[in-house]
């Protein structure tokens, strides 16, 4: 009797394993892979930063890069040239090069 039960359990678990594999493949192509691509694009954008670039911060402010160090940047906001704020590179969401016009 136990032989029949173990064979029945093996047969019924095959569709479950296939559906589980399909679920993991679905998750990889629709969740994990796009996140990795986006992270690579952001890292490439941050690596290409240069002094004088116009940046958009994650808080929605536009500014001009004044200085760049390893993990921080100094951004100048406004037209009075007195508002210079140091921030992390990760706080930059978009970059516009000055010669792109």
PDB file of N, CA and C in Angstrom:
ATOM      1  N   UNK A   1       0.813  -1.200   0.000  1.00  0.00           N
ATOM      2  CA  UNK A   1       0.000   0.000   0.000  1.00  0.00           C
ATOM      3  C   UNK A   1       0.858   1.267   0.000  1.00  0.00           C
ATOM      4  N   UNK A   2       1.934   1.300   0.774  1.00  0.00           N
ATOM      5  CA  UNK A   2       2.788   2.475   0.837  1.00  0.00           C
ATOM      6  C   UNK A   2       3.498   2.724  -0.488  1.00  0.00           C
ATOM      7  N   UNK A   3       3.729   1.674  -1.269  1.00  0.00           N
ATOM      8  CA  UNK A   3       4.359   1.831  -2.582  1.00  0.00           C
ATOM      9  C   UNK A   3       3.408   2.577  -3.520  1.00  0.00           C
ATOM     10  N   UNK A   4       2.146   2.247  -3.481  1.00  0.00           N
ATOM     11  CA  UNK A   4       1.168   2.923  -4.320  1.00  0.00           C
ATOM     12  C   UNK A   4       1.024   4.385  -3.934  1.00  0.00           C
ATOM     13  N   UNK A   5       1.046   4.686  -2.660  1.00  0.00           N
ATOM     14  CA  UNK A   5       0.920   6.067  -2.210  1.00  0.00           C
ATOM     15  C   UNK A   5       2.136   6.897  -2.616  1.00  0.00           C
ATOM     16  N   UNK A   6       3.327   6.336  -2.513  1.00  0.00           N
ATOM     17  CA  UNK A   6       4.513   7.094  -2.874  1.00  0.00           C
ATOM     18  C   UNK A   6       4.574   7.334  -4.376  1.00  0.00           C
ATOM     19  N   UNK A   7       4.108   6.399  -5.191  1.00  0.00           N
ATOM     20  CA  UNK A   7       4.082   6.610  -6.631  1.00  0.00           C
ATOM     21  C   UNK A   7       3.025   7.649  -6.998  1.00  0.00           C
ATOM     22  N   UNK A   8       1.924   7.646  -6.331  1.00  0.00           N
ATOM     23  CA  UNK A   8       0.878   8.625  -6.582  1.00  0.00           C
ATOM     24  C   UNK A   8       1.317  10.027  -6.195  1.00  0.00           C
ATOM     25  N   UNK A   9       2.073  10.156  -5.126  1.00  0.00           N
ATOM     26  CA  UNK A   9       2.567  11.450  -4.703  1.00  0.00           C
ATOM     27  C   UNK A   9       3.589  11.985  -5.703  1.00  0.00           C
ATOM     28  N   UNK A  10       4.404  11.122  -6.259  1.00  0.00           N
ATOM     29  CA  UNK A  10       5.405  11.550  -7.230  1.00  0.00           C
ATOM     30  C   UNK A  10       4.748  12.016  -8.524  1.00  0.00           C
ATOM     31  N   UNK A  11       3.705  11.357  -8.916  1.00  0.00           N
ATOM     32  CA  UNK A  11       3.015  11.731 -10.153  1.00  0.00           C
ATOM     33  C   UNK A  11       2.278  13.053  -9.976  1.00  0.00           C
ATOM     34  N   UNK A  12       1.665  13.275  -8.844  1.00  0.00           N
ATOM     35  CA  UNK A  12       0.891  14.501  -8.646  1.00  0.00           C
ATOM     36  C   UNK A  12       1.778  15.710  -8.360  1.00  0.00           C
ATOM     37  N   UNK A  13       3.022  15.522  -7.949  1.00  0.00           N
ATOM     38  CA  UNK A  13       3.887  16.659  -7.670  1.00  0.00           C
ATOM     39  C   UNK A  13       4.562  17.200  -8.926  1.00  0.00           C
ATOM     40  N   UNK A  14       4.565  16.460 -10.013  1.00  0.00           N
ATOM     41  CA  UNK A  14       5.197  16.922 -11.254  1.00  0.00           C
ATOM     42  C   UNK A  14       4.520  18.183 -11.803  1.00  0.00           C
ATOM     43  N   UNK A  15       3.197  18.238 -11.902  1.00  0.00           N
ATOM     44  CA  UNK A  15       2.575  19.482 -12.378  1.00  0.00           C
ATOM     45  C   UNK A  15       2.823  20.662 -11.438  1.00  0.00           C
ATOM     46  N   UNK A  16       2.923  20.381 -10.152  1.00  0.00           N
ATOM     47  CA  UNK A  16       3.186  21.442  -9.205  1.00  0.00           C
ATOM     48  C   UNK A  16       4.609  21.994  -9.408  1.00  0.00           C
ATOM     49  N   UNK A  17       5.575  21.135  -9.662  1.00  0.00           N
ATOM     50  CA  UNK A  17       6.943  21.584  -9.915  1.00  0.00           C
ATOM     51  C   UNK A  17       7.025  22.394 -11.199  1.00  0.00           C
ATOM     52  N   UNK A  18       6.294  21.980 -12.208  1.00  0.00           N
ATOM     53  CA  UNK A  18       6.293  22.716 -13.477  1.00  0.00           C
ATOM     54  C   UNK A  18       5.676  24.092 -13.286  1.00  0.00           C
ATOM     55  N   UNK A  19       4.571  24.166 -12.585  1.00  0.00           N
ATOM     56  CA  UNK A  19       3.931  25.464 -12.365  1.00  0.00           C
ATOM     57  C   UNK A  19       4.812  26.363 -11.494  1.00  0.00           C
ATOM     58  N   UNK A  20       5.532  25.785 -10.549  1.00  0.00           N
ATOM     59  CA  UNK A  20       6.441  26.559  -9.721  1.00  0.00           C
ATOM     60  C   UNK A  20       7.602  27.102 -10.555  1.00  0.00           C
ATOM     61  N   UNK A  21       8.116  26.284 -11.466  1.00  0.00           N
ATOM     62  CA  UNK A  21       9.194  26.736 -12.356  1.00  0.00           C
ATOM     63  C   UNK A  21       8.705  27.850 -13.270  1.00  0.00           C
ATOM     64  N   UNK A  22       7.502  27.732 -13.792  1.00  0.00           N
ATOM     65  CA  UNK A  22       6.931  28.773 -14.645  1.00  0.00           C
ATOM     66  C   UNK A  22       6.749  30.066 -13.849  1.00  0.00           C
ATOM     67  N   UNK A  23       6.348  29.952 -12.606  1.00  0.00           N
ATOM     68  CA  UNK A  23       6.185  31.130 -11.746  1.00  0.00           C
ATOM     69  C   UNK A  23       7.523  31.840 -11.539  1.00  0.00           C
ATOM     70  N   UNK A  24       8.583  31.087 -11.268  1.00  0.00           N
ATOM     71  CA  UNK A  24       9.902  31.704 -11.082  1.00  0.00           C
ATOM     72  C   UNK A  24      10.408  32.341 -12.368  1.00  0.00           C
ATOM     73  N   UNK A  25      10.174  31.720 -13.501  1.00  0.00           N
ATOM     74  CA  UNK A  25      10.573  32.302 -14.790  1.00  0.00           C
ATOM     75  C   UNK A  25       9.797  33.595 -15.038  1.00  0.00           C
ATOM     76  N   UNK A  26       8.522  33.585 -14.770  1.00  0.00           N
ATOM     77  CA  UNK A  26       7.691  34.780 -14.916  1.00  0.00           C
ATOM     78  C   UNK A  26       8.208  35.910 -14.022  1.00  0.00           C
ATOM     79  N   UNK A  27       8.505  35.583 -12.774  1.00  0.00           N
ATOM     80  CA  UNK A  27       8.995  36.600 -11.846  1.00  0.00           C
ATOM     81  C   UNK A  27      10.331  37.163 -12.310  1.00  0.00           C
ATOM     82  N   UNK A  28      11.207  36.324 -12.865  1.00  0.00           N
ATOM     83  CA  UNK A  28      12.503  36.801 -13.310  1.00  0.00           C
ATOM     84  C   UNK A  28      12.349  37.794 -14.455  1.00  0.00           C
ATOM     85  N   UNK A  29      11.559  37.429 -15.479  1.00  0.00           N
ATOM     86  CA  UNK A  29      11.462  38.282 -16.660  1.00  0.00           C
ATOM     87  C   UNK A  29      10.606  39.525 -16.464  1.00  0.00           C
ATOM     88  N   UNK A  30       9.689  39.503 -15.526  1.00  0.00           N
ATOM     89  CA  UNK A  30       8.808  40.654 -15.346  1.00  0.00           C
ATOM     90  C   UNK A  30       9.079  41.468 -14.089  1.00  0.00           C
ATOM     91  N   UNK A  31       9.948  40.988 -13.197  1.00  0.00           N
ATOM     92  CA  UNK A  31      10.219  41.743 -11.979  1.00  0.00           C
ATOM     93  C   UNK A  31      11.712  41.958 -11.743  1.00  0.00           C
ATOM     94  N   UNK A  32      12.487  40.915 -11.752  1.00  0.00           N
ATOM     95  CA  UNK A  32      13.895  41.013 -11.377  1.00  0.00           C
ATOM     96  C   UNK A  32      14.728  41.622 -12.497  1.00  0.00           C
ATOM     97  N   UNK A  33      14.563  41.148 -13.708  1.00  0.00           N
ATOM     98  CA  UNK A  33      15.365  41.619 -14.834  1.00  0.00           C
ATOM     99  C   UNK A  33      15.165  43.111 -15.127  1.00  0.00           C
ATOM    100  N   UNK A  34      13.933  43.635 -15.164  1.00  0.00           N
ATOM    101  CA  UNK A  34      13.770  45.076 -15.393  1.00  0.00           C
ATOM    102  C   UNK A  34      14.393  45.929 -14.282  1.00  0.00           C
ATOM    103  N   UNK A  35      14.337  45.462 -13.041  1.00  0.00           N
ATOM    104  CA  UNK A  35      14.954  46.219 -11.953  1.00  0.00           C
ATOM    105  C   UNK A  35      16.468  46.272 -12.124  1.00  0.00           C
ATOM    106  N   UNK A  36      17.069  45.178 -12.544  1.00  0.00           N
ATOM    107  CA  UNK A  36      18.517  45.159 -12.767  1.00  0.00           C
ATOM    108  C   UNK A  36      18.897  46.088 -13.909  1.00  0.00           C
ATOM    109  N   UNK A  37      18.108  46.093 -14.986  1.00  0.00           N
ATOM    110  CA  UNK A  37      18.392  46.986 -16.109  1.00  0.00           C
ATOM    111  C   UNK A  37      18.296  48.448 -15.685  1.00  0.00           C
ATOM    112  N   UNK A  38      17.285  48.778 -14.912  1.00  0.00           N
ATOM    113  CA  UNK A  38      17.110  50.156 -14.461  1.00  0.00           C
ATOM    114  C   UNK A  38      18.238  50.576 -13.525  1.00  0.00           C
ATOM    115  N   UNK A  39      18.679  49.675 -12.661  1.00  0.00           N
ATOM    116  CA  UNK A  39      19.793  49.986 -11.767  1.00  0.00           C
ATOM    117  C   UNK A  39      21.078  50.207 -12.569  1.00  0.00           C
ATOM    118  N   UNK A  40      21.288  49.418 -13.616  1.00  0.00           N
ATOM    119  CA  UNK A  40      22.464  49.608 -14.460  1.00  0.00           C
ATOM    120  C   UNK A  40      22.412  50.956 -15.173  1.00  0.00           C
ATOM    121  N   UNK A  41      21.244  51.350 -15.655  1.00  0.00           N
ATOM    122  CA  UNK A  41      21.106  52.641 -16.327  1.00  0.00           C
ATOM    123  C   UNK A  41      21.381  53.791 -15.366  1.00  0.00           C
ATOM    124  N   UNK A  42      20.878  53.681 -14.130  1.00  0.00           N
ATOM    125  CA  UNK A  42      21.095  54.745 -13.151  1.00  0.00           C
ATOM    126  C   UNK A  42      22.568  54.825 -12.765  1.00  0.00           C
ATOM    127  N   UNK A  43      23.225  53.673 -12.584  1.00  0.00           N
ATOM    128  CA  UNK A  43      24.650  53.687 -12.251  1.00  0.00           C
ATOM    129  C   UNK A  43      25.471  54.287 -13.382  1.00  0.00           C
ATOM    130  N   UNK A  44      25.099  54.005 -14.631  1.00  0.00           N
ATOM    131  CA  UNK A  44      25.810  54.591 -15.772  1.00  0.00           C
ATOM    132  C   UNK A  44      25.594  56.103 -15.822  1.00  0.00           C
ATOM    133  N   UNK A  45      24.373  56.549 -15.514  1.00  0.00           N
ATOM    134  CA  UNK A  45      24.070  57.978 -15.504  1.00  0.00           C
ATOM    135  C   UNK A  45      24.887  58.685 -14.418  1.00  0.00           C
ATOM    136  N   UNK A  46      24.959  58.085 -13.226  1.00  0.00           N
ATOM    137  CA  UNK A  46      25.702  58.698 -12.131  1.00  0.00           C
ATOM    138  C   UNK A  46      27.203  58.681 -12.396  1.00  0.00           C
ATOM    139  N   UNK A  47      27.687  57.687 -13.110  1.00  0.00           N
ATOM    140  CA  UNK A  47      29.112  57.624 -13.432  1.00  0.00           C
ATOM    141  C   UNK A  47      29.493  58.688 -14.462  1.00  0.00           C
ATOM    142  N   UNK A  48      28.533  59.119 -15.272  1.00  0.00           N
ATOM    143  CA  UNK A  48      28.810  60.093 -16.329  1.00  0.00           C
ATOM    144  C   UNK A  48      28.560  61.535 -15.884  1.00  0.00           C
ATOM    145  N   UNK A  49      28.344  61.765 -14.597  1.00  0.00           N
ATOM    146  CA  UNK A  49      28.120  63.126 -14.112  1.00  0.00           C
ATOM    147  C   UNK A  49      29.363  63.980 -14.315  1.00  0.00           C
ATOM    148  N   UNK A  50      29.146  65.238 -14.645  1.00  0.00           N
ATOM    149  CA  UNK A  50      30.248  66.178 -14.808  1.00  0.00           C
ATOM    150  C   UNK A  50      29.833  67.528 -14.226  1.00  0.00           C
ATOM    151  N   UNK A  51      30.816  68.307 -13.837  1.00  0.00           N
ATOM    152  CA  UNK A  51      30.550  69.641 -13.305  1.00  0.00           C
ATOM    153  C   UNK A  51      29.899  70.484 -14.400  1.00  0.00           C
ATOM    154  N   UNK A  52      28.833  71.180 -14.049  1.00  0.00           N
ATOM    155  CA  UNK A  52      28.112  72.010 -15.004  1.00  0.00           C
ATOM    156  C   UNK A  52      26.847  71.359 -15.535  1.00  0.00           C
ATOM    157  N   UNK A  53      26.632  70.088 -15.242  1.00  0.00           N
ATOM    158  CA  UNK A  53      25.411  69.410 -15.683  1.00  0.00           C
ATOM    159  C   UNK A  53      24.208  69.929 -14.901  1.00  0.00           C
ATOM    160  N   UNK A  54      23.084  70.026 -15.569  1.00  0.00           N
ATOM    161  CA  UNK A  54      21.829  70.354 -14.900  1.00  0.00           C
ATOM    162  C   UNK A  54      21.196  69.052 -14.449  1.00  0.00           C
ATOM    163  N   UNK A  55      20.819  68.979 -13.176  1.00  0.00           N
ATOM    164  CA  UNK A  55      20.282  67.745 -12.618  1.00  0.00           C
ATOM    165  C   UNK A  55      18.903  67.990 -12.023  1.00  0.00           C
ATOM    166  N   UNK A  56      18.123  66.934 -11.992  1.00  0.00           N
ATOM    167  CA  UNK A  56      16.833  66.918 -11.318  1.00  0.00           C
ATOM    168  C   UNK A  56      16.976  65.986 -10.131  1.00  0.00           C
ATOM    169  N   UNK A  57      16.689  66.472  -8.931  1.00  0.00           N
ATOM    170  CA  UNK A  57      16.807  65.647  -7.736  1.00  0.00           C
ATOM    171  C   UNK A  57      15.530  64.847  -7.531  1.00  0.00           C
ATOM    172  N   UNK A  58      15.598  63.868  -6.643  1.00  0.00           N
ATOM    173  CA  UNK A  58      14.417  63.056  -6.357  1.00  0.00           C
ATOM    174  C   UNK A  58      13.332  63.864  -5.665  1.00  0.00           C
ATOM    175  N   UNK A  59      13.694  64.990  -5.080  1.00  0.00           N
ATOM    176  CA  UNK A  59      12.692  65.843  -4.432  1.00  0.00           C
ATOM    177  C   UNK A  59      12.047  66.828  -5.398  1.00  0.00           C
ATOM    178  N   UNK A  60      12.516  66.857  -6.659  1.00  0.00           N
ATOM    179  CA  UNK A  60      11.881  67.679  -7.672  1.00  0.00           C
ATOM    180  C   UNK A  60      12.550  69.007  -7.943  1.00  0.00           C
ATOM    181  N   UNK A  61      13.729  69.244  -7.388  1.00  0.00           N
ATOM    182  CA  UNK A  61      14.436  70.503  -7.606  1.00  0.00           C
ATOM    183  C   UNK A  61      15.428  70.365  -8.754  1.00  0.00           C
ATOM    184  N   UNK A  62      15.503  71.414  -9.567  1.00  0.00           N
ATOM    185  CA  UNK A  62      16.511  71.487 -10.623  1.00  0.00           C
ATOM    186  C   UNK A  62      17.682  72.296 -10.108  1.00  0.00           C
ATOM    187  N   UNK A  63      18.905  71.841 -10.453  1.00  0.00           N
ATOM    188  CA  UNK A  63      20.084  72.563 -10.035  1.00  0.00           C
ATOM    189  C   UNK A  63      21.253  72.253 -10.951  1.00  0.00           C
ATOM    190  N   UNK A  64      22.362  72.924 -10.694  1.00  0.00           N
ATOM    191  CA  UNK A  64      23.577  72.746 -11.492  1.00  0.00           C
ATOM    192  C   UNK A  64      24.649  72.165 -10.585  1.00  0.00           C
ATOM    193  N   UNK A  65      25.366  71.158 -11.081  1.00  0.00           N
ATOM    194  CA  UNK A  65      26.433  70.543 -10.306  1.00  0.00           C
ATOM    195  C   UNK A  65      27.626  71.490 -10.218  1.00  0.00           C
ATOM    196  N   UNK A  66      28.112  71.695  -9.003  1.00  0.00           N
ATOM    197  CA  UNK A  66      29.251  72.562  -8.767  1.00  0.00           C
ATOM    198  C   UNK A  66      30.499  71.735  -8.465  1.00  0.00           C
ATOM    199  N   UNK A  67      30.344  70.662  -7.688  1.00  0.00           N
ATOM    200  CA  UNK A  67      31.481  69.835  -7.300  1.00  0.00           C
ATOM    201  C   UNK A  67      31.013  68.392  -7.154  1.00  0.00           C
ATOM    202  N   UNK A  68      31.919  67.449  -7.476  1.00  0.00           N
ATOM    203  CA  UNK A  68      31.599  66.027  -7.378  1.00  0.00           C
ATOM    204  C   UNK A  68      32.710  65.344  -6.601  1.00  0.00           C
ATOM    205  N   UNK A  69      32.339  64.578  -5.569  1.00  0.00           N
ATOM    206  CA  UNK A  69      33.283  63.735  -4.847  1.00  0.00           C
ATOM    207  C   UNK A  69      32.844  62.292  -5.023  1.00  0.00           C
ATOM    208  N   UNK A  70      33.385  61.376  -4.221  1.00  0.00           N
ATOM    209  CA  UNK A  70      33.102  59.955  -4.398  1.00  0.00           C
ATOM    210  C   UNK A  70      31.610  59.632  -4.359  1.00  0.00           C
ATOM    211  N   UNK A  71      30.948  59.993  -3.278  1.00  0.00           N
ATOM    212  CA  UNK A  71      29.531  59.654  -3.149  1.00  0.00           C
ATOM    213  C   UNK A  71      28.637  60.858  -2.891  1.00  0.00           C
ATOM    214  N   UNK A  72      29.188  62.045  -2.921  1.00  0.00           N
ATOM    215  CA  UNK A  72      28.384  63.252  -2.729  1.00  0.00           C
ATOM    216  C   UNK A  72      28.626  64.245  -3.862  1.00  0.00           C
ATOM    217  N   UNK A  73      27.666  65.113  -4.043  1.00  0.00           N
ATOM    218  CA  UNK A  73      27.776  66.194  -5.027  1.00  0.00           C
ATOM    219  C   UNK A  73      27.306  67.479  -4.358  1.00  0.00           C
ATOM    220  N   UNK A  74      27.770  68.608  -4.857  1.00  0.00           N
ATOM    221  CA  UNK A  74      27.276  69.900  -4.394  1.00  0.00           C
ATOM    222  C   UNK A  74      26.472  70.495  -5.538  1.00  0.00           C
ATOM    223  N   UNK A  75      25.214  70.777  -5.264  1.00  0.00           N
ATOM    224  CA  UNK A  75      24.287  71.273  -6.275  1.00  0.00           C
ATOM    225  C   UNK A  75      23.919  72.705  -5.936  1.00  0.00           C
ATOM    226  N   UNK A  76      23.934  73.559  -6.945  1.00  0.00           N
ATOM    227  CA  UNK A  76      23.576  74.969  -6.780  1.00  0.00           C
ATOM    228  C   UNK A  76      22.155  75.161  -7.298  1.00  0.00           C
ATOM    229  N   UNK A  77      21.289  75.689  -6.444  1.00  0.00           N
ATOM    230  CA  UNK A  77      19.889  75.900  -6.791  1.00  0.00           C
ATOM    231  C   UNK A  77      19.602  77.384  -6.923  1.00  0.00           C
ATOM    232  N   UNK A  78      18.686  77.727  -7.794  1.00  0.00           N
ATOM    233  CA  UNK A  78      18.229  79.105  -7.914  1.00  0.00           C
ATOM    234  C   UNK A  78      19.159  79.976  -8.723  1.00  0.00           C
ATOM    235  N   UNK A  79      18.740  81.205  -8.904  1.00  0.00           N
ATOM    236  CA  UNK A  79      19.505  82.131  -9.729  1.00  0.00           C
ATOM    237  C   UNK A  79      20.425  83.037  -8.920  1.00  0.00           C
ATOM    238  N   UNK A  80      20.325  83.027  -7.599  1.00  0.00           N
ATOM    239  CA  UNK A  80      21.147  83.933  -6.794  1.00  0.00           C
ATOM    240  C   UNK A  80      22.533  83.368  -6.480  1.00  0.00           C
ATOM    241  N   UNK A  81      22.807  82.150  -6.859  1.00  0.00           N
ATOM    242  CA  UNK A  81      24.114  81.501  -6.709  1.00  0.00           C
ATOM    243  C   UNK A  81      24.559  81.362  -5.258  1.00  0.00           C
ATOM    244  N   UNK A  82      23.679  81.535  -4.314  1.00  0.00           N
ATOM    245  CA  UNK A  82      24.042  81.391  -2.907  1.00  0.00           C
ATOM    246  C   UNK A  82      23.515  80.108  -2.289  1.00  0.00           C
ATOM    247  N   UNK A  83      22.685  79.417  -2.972  1.00  0.00           N
ATOM    248  CA  UNK A  83      22.076  78.213  -2.420  1.00  0.00           C
ATOM    249  C   UNK A  83      22.812  76.984  -2.955  1.00  0.00           C
ATOM    250  N   UNK A  84      23.841  76.560  -2.243  1.00  0.00           N
ATOM    251  CA  UNK A  84      24.618  75.377  -2.617  1.00  0.00           C
ATOM    252  C   UNK A  84      24.425  74.323  -1.541  1.00  0.00           C
ATOM    253  N   UNK A  85      23.942  73.169  -1.959  1.00  0.00           N
ATOM    254  CA  UNK A  85      23.590  72.123  -1.007  1.00  0.00           C
ATOM    255  C   UNK A  85      24.337  70.847  -1.363  1.00  0.00           C
ATOM    256  N   UNK A  86      25.059  70.252  -0.394  1.00  0.00           N
ATOM    257  CA  UNK A  86      25.661  68.945  -0.650  1.00  0.00           C
ATOM    258  C   UNK A  86      24.599  67.854  -0.521  1.00  0.00           C
ATOM    259  N   UNK A  87      24.648  66.901  -1.411  1.00  0.00           N
ATOM    260  CA  UNK A  87      23.699  65.783  -1.372  1.00  0.00           C
ATOM    261  C   UNK A  87      24.354  64.523  -1.905  1.00  0.00           C
ATOM    262  N   UNK A  88      23.726  63.393  -1.649  1.00  0.00           N
ATOM    263  CA  UNK A  88      24.238  62.122  -2.131  1.00  0.00           C
ATOM    264  C   UNK A  88      23.978  61.989  -3.617  1.00  0.00           C
ATOM    265  N   UNK A  89      24.841  61.228  -4.302  1.00  0.00           N
ATOM    266  CA  UNK A  89      24.651  61.009  -5.732  1.00  0.00           C
ATOM    267  C   UNK A  89      23.349  60.276  -6.008  1.00  0.00           C
ATOM    268  N   UNK A  90      22.933  59.421  -5.096  1.00  0.00           N
ATOM    269  CA  UNK A  90      21.704  58.662  -5.272  1.00  0.00           C
ATOM    270  C   UNK A  90      20.457  59.520  -5.300  1.00  0.00           C
ATOM    271  N   UNK A  91      20.554  60.773  -4.851  1.00  0.00           N
ATOM    272  CA  UNK A  91      19.407  61.671  -4.840  1.00  0.00           C
ATOM    273  C   UNK A  91      19.181  62.336  -6.195  1.00  0.00           C
ATOM    274  N   UNK A  92      20.018  62.024  -7.174  1.00  0.00           N
ATOM    275  CA  UNK A  92      19.847  62.586  -8.517  1.00  0.00           C
ATOM    276  C   UNK A  92      19.033  61.608  -9.350  1.00  0.00           C
ATOM    277  N   UNK A  93      17.955  62.099  -9.943  1.00  0.00           N
ATOM    278  CA  UNK A  93      17.090  61.217 -10.719  1.00  0.00           C
ATOM    279  C   UNK A  93      17.229  61.410 -12.218  1.00  0.00           C
ATOM    280  N   UNK A  94      17.687  62.579 -12.677  1.00  0.00           N
ATOM    281  CA  UNK A  94      17.857  62.810 -14.113  1.00  0.00           C
ATOM    282  C   UNK A  94      18.974  63.821 -14.327  1.00  0.00           C
ATOM    283  N   UNK A  95      19.653  63.697 -15.471  1.00  0.00           N
ATOM    284  CA  UNK A  95      20.758  64.590 -15.809  1.00  0.00           C
ATOM    285  C   UNK A  95      20.524  65.142 -17.202  1.00  0.00           C
ATOM    286  N   UNK A  96      20.789  66.441 -17.339  1.00  0.00           N
ATOM    287  CA  UNK A  96      20.710  67.089 -18.646  1.00  0.00           C
ATOM    288  C   UNK A  96      22.047  67.747 -18.909  1.00  0.00           C
ATOM    289  N   UNK A  97      22.707  67.317 -19.970  1.00  0.00           N
ATOM    290  CA  UNK A  97      24.011  67.871 -20.309  1.00  0.00           C
ATOM    291  C   UNK A  97      23.828  69.275 -20.898  1.00  0.00           C
ATOM    292  N   UNK A  98      24.725  70.215 -20.631  1.00  0.00           N
ATOM    293  CA  UNK A  98      24.540  71.593 -21.129  1.00  0.00           C
ATOM    294  C   UNK A  98      24.666  71.700 -22.643  1.00  0.00           C
ATOM    295  N   UNK A  99      25.410  70.804 -23.297  1.00  0.00           N
ATOM    296  CA  UNK A  99      25.567  70.890 -24.754  1.00  0.00           C
ATOM    297  C   UNK A  99      24.525  70.056 -25.493  1.00  0.00           C
ATOM    298  N   UNK A 100      23.484  69.584 -24.810  1.00  0.00           N
ATOM    299  CA  UNK A 100      22.426  68.805 -25.456  1.00  0.00           C
ATOM    300  C   UNK A 100      21.410  69.695 -26.154  1.00  0.00           C
ATOM    301  N   UNK A 101      21.521  70.994 -26.006  1.00  0.00           N
ATOM    302  CA  UNK A 101      20.531  71.930 -26.566  1.00  0.00           C
ATOM    303  C   UNK A 101      20.707  72.134 -28.013  1.00  0.00           C
TER     304      UNK A 101
END
